[in-house]
Amino acid sequence: MKRRTARENAFVAAFQESFQPGSMQEIIDTSRIENEQEIDAFGEKLLTGFVLHREDADKLIEPKLKNWKMNRIPRVCLVALELAVTEMFFGDEEDMDSVIINEAVELAKKFGGEEDYQFVNGVLGSIARERAGQMPEDALENAQQNTADESPADKPEIAPEDTPKNTPESDPTC
């Protein structure tokens, strides 16, 4: 199965789980039994990361929302954002952020409203640009706490004075 298809099937499962929290394994099993939008091994990795790190993803997404609240984002956008951010920050695959962002944008185009893809692209682009520079200290700490197999020597340190400030010049809107 192509990764695009695997991501789309994982997105559909994550979207379904957003209505029935805690039912992810049942959704995966059902997809395999019914052979409809089947979740392959890659998709299952994405969904495992999604379930384990959804709150961490929300903490990375929320600061990038300009004049939006998490509970007001259309569900399609939110699930696409959460799935992409968990893959970008907590996935063990080597896909570039640009590939992950493109896939999330395509999901928003296919399943979302007319302009949802622009919103998804803007938020993920802002997160990726920040990630290319430095991660915020609190997000870095959360990511490190949830990555048990890294040794302390592997974890980068960020001094508070090096943390980017949220100013109009350094924090573009989406």
N, C-alpha and C. Protein backbone atom coordinates (compact mmCIF):
# COMPACT_ATOMS: atom_id res chain seq x y z
N MET A 1 0.86 -1.18 0.00
CA MET A 1 0.00 0.00 0.00
C MET A 1 0.90 1.24 0.00
N LYS A 2 0.55 2.20 -0.82
CA LYS A 2 1.31 3.45 -0.88
C LYS A 2 1.11 4.24 0.41
N ARG A 3 2.12 5.04 0.75
CA ARG A 3 2.03 5.83 1.99
C ARG A 3 0.87 6.82 1.95
N ARG A 4 0.59 7.37 0.80
CA ARG A 4 -0.53 8.32 0.68
C ARG A 4 -1.84 7.61 1.07
N THR A 5 -2.03 6.42 0.57
CA THR A 5 -3.23 5.65 0.90
C THR A 5 -3.23 5.27 2.38
N ALA A 6 -2.07 4.87 2.88
CA ALA A 6 -1.97 4.51 4.30
C ALA A 6 -2.29 5.72 5.19
N ARG A 7 -1.79 6.91 4.82
CA ARG A 7 -2.09 8.12 5.59
C ARG A 7 -3.58 8.45 5.52
N GLU A 8 -4.15 8.31 4.35
CA GLU A 8 -5.58 8.60 4.20
C GLU A 8 -6.41 7.64 5.05
N ASN A 9 -6.08 6.37 5.00
CA ASN A 9 -6.82 5.39 5.81
C ASN A 9 -6.62 5.66 7.30
N ALA A 10 -5.42 6.05 7.70
CA ALA A 10 -5.16 6.39 9.10
C ALA A 10 -5.96 7.64 9.48
N PHE A 11 -6.03 8.60 8.58
CA PHE A 11 -6.81 9.81 8.84
C PHE A 11 -8.28 9.47 9.07
N VAL A 12 -8.84 8.63 8.22
CA VAL A 12 -10.25 8.25 8.37
C VAL A 12 -10.46 7.56 9.71
N ALA A 13 -9.55 6.68 10.10
CA ALA A 13 -9.66 6.00 11.39
C ALA A 13 -9.54 7.00 12.55
N ALA A 14 -8.59 7.94 12.45
CA ALA A 14 -8.42 8.95 13.50
C ALA A 14 -9.64 9.85 13.59
N PHE A 15 -10.21 10.19 12.45
CA PHE A 15 -11.43 11.00 12.43
C PHE A 15 -12.56 10.25 13.11
N GLN A 16 -12.70 8.98 12.78
CA GLN A 16 -13.75 8.16 13.40
C GLN A 16 -13.53 8.06 14.91
N GLU A 17 -12.28 7.89 15.31
CA GLU A 17 -11.97 7.77 16.75
C GLU A 17 -12.26 9.07 17.48
N SER A 18 -12.22 10.20 16.78
CA SER A 18 -12.50 11.48 17.43
C SER A 18 -13.95 11.56 17.91
N PHE A 19 -14.81 10.73 17.36
CA PHE A 19 -16.21 10.66 17.80
C PHE A 19 -16.41 9.59 18.87
N GLN A 20 -15.46 8.64 18.93
CA GLN A 20 -15.54 7.52 19.87
C GLN A 20 -14.18 7.35 20.54
N PRO A 21 -13.78 8.28 21.41
CA PRO A 21 -12.45 8.18 22.03
C PRO A 21 -12.24 6.82 22.70
N GLY A 22 -11.02 6.31 22.53
CA GLY A 22 -10.66 5.05 23.16
C GLY A 22 -11.00 3.83 22.32
N SER A 23 -11.48 4.03 21.09
CA SER A 23 -11.91 2.91 20.26
C SER A 23 -10.95 2.60 19.11
N MET A 24 -9.73 3.11 19.17
CA MET A 24 -8.82 3.00 18.02
C MET A 24 -8.53 1.56 17.63
N GLN A 25 -8.24 0.69 18.57
CA GLN A 25 -7.91 -0.69 18.21
C GLN A 25 -9.10 -1.37 17.56
N GLU A 26 -10.28 -1.10 18.04
CA GLU A 26 -11.50 -1.66 17.44
C GLU A 26 -11.66 -1.16 15.99
N ILE A 27 -11.39 0.11 15.78
CA ILE A 27 -11.49 0.69 14.43
C ILE A 27 -10.48 0.04 13.50
N ILE A 28 -9.26 -0.15 13.97
CA ILE A 28 -8.21 -0.80 13.16
C ILE A 28 -8.62 -2.23 12.83
N ASP A 29 -9.07 -2.97 13.83
CA ASP A 29 -9.47 -4.36 13.61
C ASP A 29 -10.62 -4.45 12.61
N THR A 30 -11.61 -3.58 12.76
CA THR A 30 -12.76 -3.58 11.86
C THR A 30 -12.33 -3.28 10.43
N SER A 31 -11.40 -2.33 10.25
CA SER A 31 -10.94 -1.99 8.90
C SER A 31 -10.28 -3.19 8.23
N ARG A 32 -9.60 -4.00 9.01
CA ARG A 32 -8.93 -5.18 8.44
C ARG A 32 -9.92 -6.30 8.13
N ILE A 33 -10.89 -6.46 8.98
CA ILE A 33 -11.90 -7.51 8.76
C ILE A 33 -12.74 -7.19 7.54
N GLU A 34 -13.17 -5.93 7.43
CA GLU A 34 -14.07 -5.53 6.34
C GLU A 34 -13.33 -5.15 5.06
N ASN A 35 -12.00 -5.09 5.12
CA ASN A 35 -11.18 -4.69 3.97
C ASN A 35 -11.61 -3.36 3.38
N GLU A 36 -12.10 -2.47 4.21
CA GLU A 36 -12.45 -1.12 3.78
C GLU A 36 -11.52 -0.15 4.50
N GLN A 37 -10.80 0.61 3.72
CA GLN A 37 -9.84 1.56 4.27
C GLN A 37 -8.96 0.87 5.31
N GLU A 38 -8.40 -0.25 4.87
CA GLU A 38 -7.59 -1.09 5.74
C GLU A 38 -6.37 -0.34 6.25
N ILE A 39 -6.07 -0.57 7.49
CA ILE A 39 -4.91 0.05 8.14
C ILE A 39 -3.74 -0.92 8.03
N ASP A 40 -2.68 -0.53 7.32
CA ASP A 40 -1.49 -1.36 7.21
C ASP A 40 -0.55 -1.05 8.38
N ALA A 41 0.64 -1.65 8.37
CA ALA A 41 1.59 -1.47 9.47
C ALA A 41 2.00 0.00 9.63
N PHE A 42 2.24 0.68 8.51
CA PHE A 42 2.61 2.10 8.58
C PHE A 42 1.46 2.92 9.17
N GLY A 43 0.25 2.66 8.70
CA GLY A 43 -0.92 3.37 9.23
C GLY A 43 -1.12 3.11 10.71
N GLU A 44 -0.87 1.88 11.13
CA GLU A 44 -1.01 1.56 12.55
C GLU A 44 0.03 2.31 13.39
N LYS A 45 1.25 2.45 12.86
CA LYS A 45 2.28 3.25 13.55
C LYS A 45 1.81 4.70 13.70
N LEU A 46 1.25 5.24 12.62
CA LEU A 46 0.75 6.62 12.67
C LEU A 46 -0.34 6.76 13.73
N LEU A 47 -1.25 5.81 13.76
CA LEU A 47 -2.36 5.87 14.70
C LEU A 47 -1.91 5.65 16.14
N THR A 48 -0.93 4.79 16.33
CA THR A 48 -0.39 4.60 17.68
C THR A 48 0.24 5.90 18.17
N GLY A 49 1.04 6.53 17.31
CA GLY A 49 1.62 7.82 17.67
C GLY A 49 0.56 8.87 17.92
N PHE A 50 -0.48 8.84 17.10
CA PHE A 50 -1.60 9.79 17.24
C PHE A 50 -2.26 9.64 18.61
N VAL A 51 -2.55 8.43 19.00
CA VAL A 51 -3.22 8.18 20.29
C VAL A 51 -2.29 8.55 21.45
N LEU A 52 -1.03 8.16 21.35
CA LEU A 52 -0.08 8.41 22.44
C LEU A 52 0.30 9.88 22.60
N HIS A 53 0.35 10.62 21.50
CA HIS A 53 0.91 11.97 21.53
C HIS A 53 -0.07 13.06 21.10
N ARG A 54 -1.34 12.76 21.07
CA ARG A 54 -2.34 13.75 20.64
C ARG A 54 -2.27 15.01 21.50
N GLU A 55 -2.16 14.87 22.81
CA GLU A 55 -2.10 16.04 23.70
C GLU A 55 -0.84 16.86 23.44
N ASP A 56 0.28 16.17 23.20
CA ASP A 56 1.52 16.87 22.88
C ASP A 56 1.38 17.63 21.57
N ALA A 57 0.73 17.01 20.60
CA ALA A 57 0.49 17.67 19.30
C ALA A 57 -0.36 18.91 19.50
N ASP A 58 -1.40 18.80 20.32
CA ASP A 58 -2.27 19.95 20.57
C ASP A 58 -1.48 21.11 21.19
N LYS A 59 -0.52 20.79 22.05
CA LYS A 59 0.30 21.84 22.68
C LYS A 59 1.21 22.53 21.65
N LEU A 60 1.57 21.82 20.60
CA LEU A 60 2.38 22.42 19.54
C LEU A 60 1.50 23.20 18.56
N ILE A 61 0.28 22.75 18.37
CA ILE A 61 -0.64 23.39 17.42
C ILE A 61 -1.23 24.68 18.00
N GLU A 62 -1.67 24.62 19.23
CA GLU A 62 -2.43 25.73 19.82
C GLU A 62 -1.74 27.09 19.72
N PRO A 63 -0.44 27.20 20.00
CA PRO A 63 0.19 28.53 19.90
C PRO A 63 0.20 29.10 18.47
N LYS A 64 0.01 28.26 17.48
CA LYS A 64 0.03 28.71 16.08
C LYS A 64 -1.34 29.15 15.58
N LEU A 65 -2.35 29.01 16.40
CA LEU A 65 -3.70 29.38 16.01
C LEU A 65 -3.91 30.86 16.28
N LYS A 66 -4.12 31.61 15.26
CA LYS A 66 -4.36 33.04 15.41
C LYS A 66 -5.87 33.27 15.38
N ASN A 67 -6.37 33.79 16.49
CA ASN A 67 -7.80 34.08 16.63
C ASN A 67 -8.67 32.83 16.52
N TRP A 68 -8.13 31.69 16.89
CA TRP A 68 -8.87 30.44 16.90
C TRP A 68 -8.67 29.76 18.25
N LYS A 69 -9.65 28.99 18.63
CA LYS A 69 -9.56 28.12 19.81
C LYS A 69 -9.59 26.69 19.30
N MET A 70 -8.93 25.80 20.01
CA MET A 70 -8.87 24.39 19.59
C MET A 70 -10.27 23.80 19.39
N ASN A 71 -11.19 24.14 20.28
CA ASN A 71 -12.52 23.54 20.20
C ASN A 71 -13.38 24.12 19.07
N ARG A 72 -12.89 25.14 18.39
CA ARG A 72 -13.64 25.75 17.28
C ARG A 72 -13.09 25.35 15.91
N ILE A 73 -11.98 24.65 15.87
CA ILE A 73 -11.40 24.22 14.60
C ILE A 73 -12.27 23.09 14.03
N PRO A 74 -12.58 23.15 12.75
CA PRO A 74 -13.33 22.03 12.16
C PRO A 74 -12.60 20.71 12.43
N ARG A 75 -13.37 19.69 12.73
CA ARG A 75 -12.80 18.40 13.13
C ARG A 75 -11.86 17.84 12.07
N VAL A 76 -12.19 17.99 10.80
CA VAL A 76 -11.31 17.49 9.74
C VAL A 76 -9.94 18.17 9.84
N CYS A 77 -9.93 19.47 10.01
CA CYS A 77 -8.67 20.21 10.14
C CYS A 77 -7.90 19.76 11.37
N LEU A 78 -8.60 19.65 12.49
CA LEU A 78 -7.93 19.29 13.74
C LEU A 78 -7.29 17.91 13.64
N VAL A 79 -8.01 16.94 13.11
CA VAL A 79 -7.46 15.59 13.00
C VAL A 79 -6.29 15.58 12.01
N ALA A 80 -6.40 16.29 10.89
CA ALA A 80 -5.29 16.36 9.94
C ALA A 80 -4.06 17.00 10.59
N LEU A 81 -4.27 18.07 11.36
CA LEU A 81 -3.17 18.73 12.06
C LEU A 81 -2.53 17.80 13.09
N GLU A 82 -3.36 17.19 13.92
CA GLU A 82 -2.84 16.32 14.98
C GLU A 82 -2.08 15.13 14.40
N LEU A 83 -2.62 14.52 13.37
CA LEU A 83 -1.96 13.37 12.76
C LEU A 83 -0.62 13.77 12.15
N ALA A 84 -0.60 14.91 11.47
CA ALA A 84 0.65 15.38 10.85
C ALA A 84 1.68 15.75 11.91
N VAL A 85 1.27 16.47 12.94
CA VAL A 85 2.22 16.89 13.98
C VAL A 85 2.76 15.69 14.73
N THR A 86 1.92 14.71 15.03
CA THR A 86 2.44 13.53 15.73
C THR A 86 3.42 12.77 14.84
N GLU A 87 3.18 12.75 13.55
CA GLU A 87 4.13 12.09 12.65
C GLU A 87 5.43 12.89 12.56
N MET A 88 5.33 14.21 12.46
CA MET A 88 6.51 15.06 12.34
C MET A 88 7.40 14.97 13.58
N PHE A 89 6.81 15.01 14.74
CA PHE A 89 7.59 15.11 15.98
C PHE A 89 7.84 13.77 16.65
N PHE A 90 6.95 12.81 16.49
CA PHE A 90 7.05 11.58 17.26
C PHE A 90 7.14 10.32 16.41
N GLY A 91 7.07 10.48 15.09
CA GLY A 91 7.17 9.33 14.20
C GLY A 91 8.62 8.91 14.03
N ASP A 92 8.81 7.65 13.71
CA ASP A 92 10.18 7.16 13.54
C ASP A 92 10.54 6.95 12.07
N GLU A 93 9.73 7.49 11.20
CA GLU A 93 10.00 7.40 9.76
C GLU A 93 10.90 8.56 9.35
N GLU A 94 11.45 8.46 8.17
CA GLU A 94 12.38 9.47 7.68
C GLU A 94 11.74 10.48 6.73
N ASP A 95 10.42 10.49 6.64
CA ASP A 95 9.77 11.42 5.72
C ASP A 95 10.05 12.86 6.14
N MET A 96 10.28 13.70 5.15
CA MET A 96 10.53 15.12 5.40
C MET A 96 9.22 15.79 5.81
N ASP A 97 9.35 16.84 6.60
CA ASP A 97 8.17 17.58 7.04
C ASP A 97 7.34 18.04 5.84
N SER A 98 8.00 18.45 4.76
CA SER A 98 7.27 18.94 3.59
C SER A 98 6.36 17.87 3.01
N VAL A 99 6.78 16.62 3.04
CA VAL A 99 5.96 15.52 2.54
C VAL A 99 4.75 15.33 3.45
N ILE A 100 4.98 15.35 4.74
CA ILE A 100 3.91 15.16 5.73
C ILE A 100 2.90 16.31 5.61
N ILE A 101 3.40 17.53 5.47
CA ILE A 101 2.52 18.70 5.33
C ILE A 101 1.70 18.57 4.05
N ASN A 102 2.34 18.21 2.95
CA ASN A 102 1.62 18.06 1.70
C ASN A 102 0.51 17.02 1.82
N GLU A 103 0.79 15.92 2.46
CA GLU A 103 -0.22 14.87 2.63
C GLU A 103 -1.39 15.39 3.48
N ALA A 104 -1.10 16.14 4.54
CA ALA A 104 -2.16 16.69 5.39
C ALA A 104 -3.01 17.69 4.61
N VAL A 105 -2.36 18.50 3.78
CA VAL A 105 -3.09 19.46 2.95
C VAL A 105 -4.00 18.72 1.97
N GLU A 106 -3.50 17.66 1.37
CA GLU A 106 -4.33 16.88 0.45
C GLU A 106 -5.52 16.26 1.16
N LEU A 107 -5.34 15.81 2.40
CA LEU A 107 -6.46 15.27 3.18
C LEU A 107 -7.50 16.35 3.45
N ALA A 108 -7.02 17.55 3.79
CA ALA A 108 -7.95 18.66 4.05
C ALA A 108 -8.70 19.04 2.78
N LYS A 109 -8.03 19.00 1.63
CA LYS A 109 -8.71 19.29 0.37
C LYS A 109 -9.78 18.25 0.08
N LYS A 110 -9.47 17.00 0.33
CA LYS A 110 -10.38 15.91 -0.01
C LYS A 110 -11.57 15.83 0.96
N PHE A 111 -11.30 16.00 2.26
CA PHE A 111 -12.33 15.75 3.26
C PHE A 111 -12.86 17.02 3.93
N GLY A 112 -12.17 18.13 3.77
CA GLY A 112 -12.55 19.35 4.48
C GLY A 112 -13.35 20.32 3.65
N GLY A 113 -13.55 21.49 4.24
CA GLY A 113 -14.26 22.57 3.57
C GLY A 113 -13.39 23.19 2.50
N GLU A 114 -13.97 24.14 1.79
CA GLU A 114 -13.34 24.75 0.63
C GLU A 114 -11.97 25.37 0.93
N GLU A 115 -11.82 26.01 2.08
CA GLU A 115 -10.56 26.69 2.39
C GLU A 115 -9.80 26.05 3.55
N ASP A 116 -10.24 24.89 4.01
CA ASP A 116 -9.58 24.23 5.14
C ASP A 116 -8.12 23.90 4.85
N TYR A 117 -7.83 23.54 3.61
CA TYR A 117 -6.46 23.15 3.28
C TYR A 117 -5.49 24.31 3.50
N GLN A 118 -5.94 25.54 3.27
CA GLN A 118 -5.07 26.69 3.48
C GLN A 118 -4.74 26.86 4.96
N PHE A 119 -5.74 26.65 5.79
CA PHE A 119 -5.56 26.74 7.24
C PHE A 119 -4.56 25.68 7.71
N VAL A 120 -4.76 24.44 7.27
CA VAL A 120 -3.87 23.33 7.64
C VAL A 120 -2.45 23.62 7.16
N ASN A 121 -2.31 24.08 5.94
CA ASN A 121 -0.98 24.40 5.40
C ASN A 121 -0.31 25.51 6.22
N GLY A 122 -1.06 26.54 6.56
CA GLY A 122 -0.49 27.65 7.32
C GLY A 122 -0.01 27.25 8.70
N VAL A 123 -0.83 26.48 9.41
CA VAL A 123 -0.46 26.06 10.77
C VAL A 123 0.74 25.12 10.72
N LEU A 124 0.68 24.12 9.85
CA LEU A 124 1.80 23.16 9.77
C LEU A 124 3.07 23.83 9.25
N GLY A 125 2.93 24.76 8.31
CA GLY A 125 4.11 25.49 7.82
C GLY A 125 4.77 26.28 8.92
N SER A 126 3.96 26.92 9.76
CA SER A 126 4.48 27.69 10.89
C SER A 126 5.21 26.78 11.88
N ILE A 127 4.61 25.63 12.14
CA ILE A 127 5.24 24.66 13.06
C ILE A 127 6.55 24.15 12.47
N ALA A 128 6.55 23.83 11.19
CA ALA A 128 7.76 23.32 10.54
C ALA A 128 8.87 24.35 10.50
N ARG A 129 8.52 25.61 10.24
CA ARG A 129 9.54 26.67 10.24
C ARG A 129 10.15 26.82 11.62
N GLU A 130 9.31 26.78 12.64
CA GLU A 130 9.83 26.89 13.99
C GLU A 130 10.70 25.68 14.33
N ARG A 131 10.26 24.53 13.91
CA ARG A 131 11.02 23.30 14.18
C ARG A 131 12.38 23.33 13.49
N ALA A 132 12.43 23.90 12.30
CA ALA A 132 13.69 23.98 11.57
C ALA A 132 14.70 24.85 12.32
N GLY A 133 14.18 25.84 13.06
CA GLY A 133 15.04 26.67 13.90
C GLY A 133 15.27 26.00 15.23
N GLN A 134 14.30 26.14 16.10
CA GLN A 134 14.35 25.53 17.42
C GLN A 134 12.95 25.24 17.88
N MET A 135 12.81 24.20 18.67
CA MET A 135 11.53 23.90 19.29
C MET A 135 11.40 24.75 20.54
N PRO A 136 10.17 25.18 20.89
CA PRO A 136 9.99 25.87 22.16
C PRO A 136 10.39 24.95 23.30
N GLU A 137 10.91 25.51 24.38
CA GLU A 137 11.44 24.71 25.48
C GLU A 137 10.40 23.79 26.08
N ASP A 138 9.17 24.27 26.30
CA ASP A 138 8.16 23.41 26.93
C ASP A 138 7.75 22.26 26.01
N ALA A 139 7.68 22.50 24.71
CA ALA A 139 7.35 21.42 23.77
C ALA A 139 8.49 20.41 23.72
N LEU A 140 9.73 20.91 23.77
CA LEU A 140 10.88 20.03 23.76
C LEU A 140 10.87 19.13 24.99
N GLU A 141 10.59 19.71 26.15
CA GLU A 141 10.54 18.92 27.39
C GLU A 141 9.47 17.85 27.29
N ASN A 142 8.29 18.18 26.78
CA ASN A 142 7.21 17.21 26.64
C ASN A 142 7.62 16.09 25.68
N ALA A 143 8.25 16.46 24.58
CA ALA A 143 8.67 15.46 23.61
C ALA A 143 9.71 14.53 24.22
N GLN A 144 10.62 15.09 24.99
CA GLN A 144 11.66 14.28 25.61
C GLN A 144 11.08 13.34 26.67
N GLN A 145 10.11 13.80 27.42
CA GLN A 145 9.50 12.96 28.44
C GLN A 145 8.78 11.78 27.81
N ASN A 146 8.26 11.95 26.61
CA ASN A 146 7.49 10.90 25.95
C ASN A 146 8.33 10.03 25.04
N THR A 147 9.62 10.26 24.98
CA THR A 147 10.50 9.46 24.16
C THR A 147 11.45 8.71 25.08
N ALA A 148 11.01 7.58 25.54
CA ALA A 148 11.73 6.83 26.56
C ALA A 148 13.02 6.20 26.06
N ASP A 149 13.12 5.89 24.75
CA ASP A 149 14.29 5.18 24.29
C ASP A 149 15.48 6.08 23.96
N GLU A 150 15.39 7.37 24.19
CA GLU A 150 16.54 8.25 23.98
C GLU A 150 17.32 8.38 25.27
N SER A 151 18.62 8.40 25.13
CA SER A 151 19.44 8.63 26.31
C SER A 151 19.55 10.13 26.55
N PRO A 152 19.85 10.56 27.78
CA PRO A 152 19.98 11.99 28.05
C PRO A 152 21.01 12.67 27.16
N ALA A 153 22.03 11.96 26.73
CA ALA A 153 23.05 12.55 25.88
C ALA A 153 22.50 12.89 24.49
N ASP A 154 21.43 12.20 24.07
CA ASP A 154 20.84 12.45 22.75
C ASP A 154 19.92 13.65 22.73
N LYS A 155 19.57 14.18 23.90
CA LYS A 155 18.57 15.24 23.98
C LYS A 155 19.23 16.61 23.91
N PRO A 156 18.81 17.43 22.93
CA PRO A 156 19.39 18.77 22.82
C PRO A 156 18.91 19.67 23.95
N GLU A 157 19.76 20.60 24.30
CA GLU A 157 19.38 21.56 25.33
C GLU A 157 19.14 22.91 24.67
N ILE A 158 18.12 23.62 25.14
CA ILE A 158 17.82 24.95 24.63
C ILE A 158 17.84 25.90 25.81
N ALA A 159 18.67 26.91 25.69
CA ALA A 159 18.71 27.92 26.74
C ALA A 159 17.52 28.84 26.58
N PRO A 160 16.92 29.31 27.70
CA PRO A 160 15.74 30.17 27.60
C PRO A 160 15.95 31.40 26.73
N GLU A 161 17.16 31.97 26.74
CA GLU A 161 17.40 33.15 25.94
C GLU A 161 17.44 32.84 24.44
N ASP A 162 17.59 31.55 24.08
CA ASP A 162 17.59 31.15 22.67
C ASP A 162 16.21 30.81 22.15
N THR A 163 15.23 30.74 23.04
CA THR A 163 13.88 30.38 22.63
C THR A 163 13.26 31.52 21.86
N PRO A 164 12.68 31.23 20.67
CA PRO A 164 12.08 32.31 19.87
C PRO A 164 10.91 32.96 20.61
N LYS A 165 10.81 34.26 20.46
CA LYS A 165 9.71 35.01 21.09
C LYS A 165 8.55 35.09 20.12
N ASN A 166 7.34 35.09 20.64
CA ASN A 166 6.15 35.21 19.80
C ASN A 166 5.86 36.68 19.55
N THR A 167 6.44 37.18 18.47
CA THR A 167 6.20 38.55 18.05
C THR A 167 5.65 38.50 16.65
N PRO A 168 4.98 39.56 16.20
CA PRO A 168 4.45 39.54 14.83
C PRO A 168 5.54 39.27 13.78
N GLU A 169 6.76 39.73 14.05
CA GLU A 169 7.82 39.53 13.08
C GLU A 169 8.30 38.09 13.04
N SER A 170 8.31 37.39 14.21
CA SER A 170 8.86 36.04 14.26
C SER A 170 7.80 34.96 14.20
N ASP A 171 6.54 35.31 14.28
CA ASP A 171 5.47 34.32 14.34
C ASP A 171 4.41 34.64 13.28
N PRO A 172 4.67 34.23 12.01
CA PRO A 172 3.73 34.57 10.93
C PRO A 172 2.37 33.90 11.15
N THR A 173 1.35 34.57 10.72
CA THR A 173 0.00 34.00 10.84
C THR A 173 -0.26 33.10 9.66
N CYS A 174 -1.27 32.27 9.82
CA CYS A 174 -1.57 31.35 8.73
C CYS A 174 -2.68 31.87 7.88
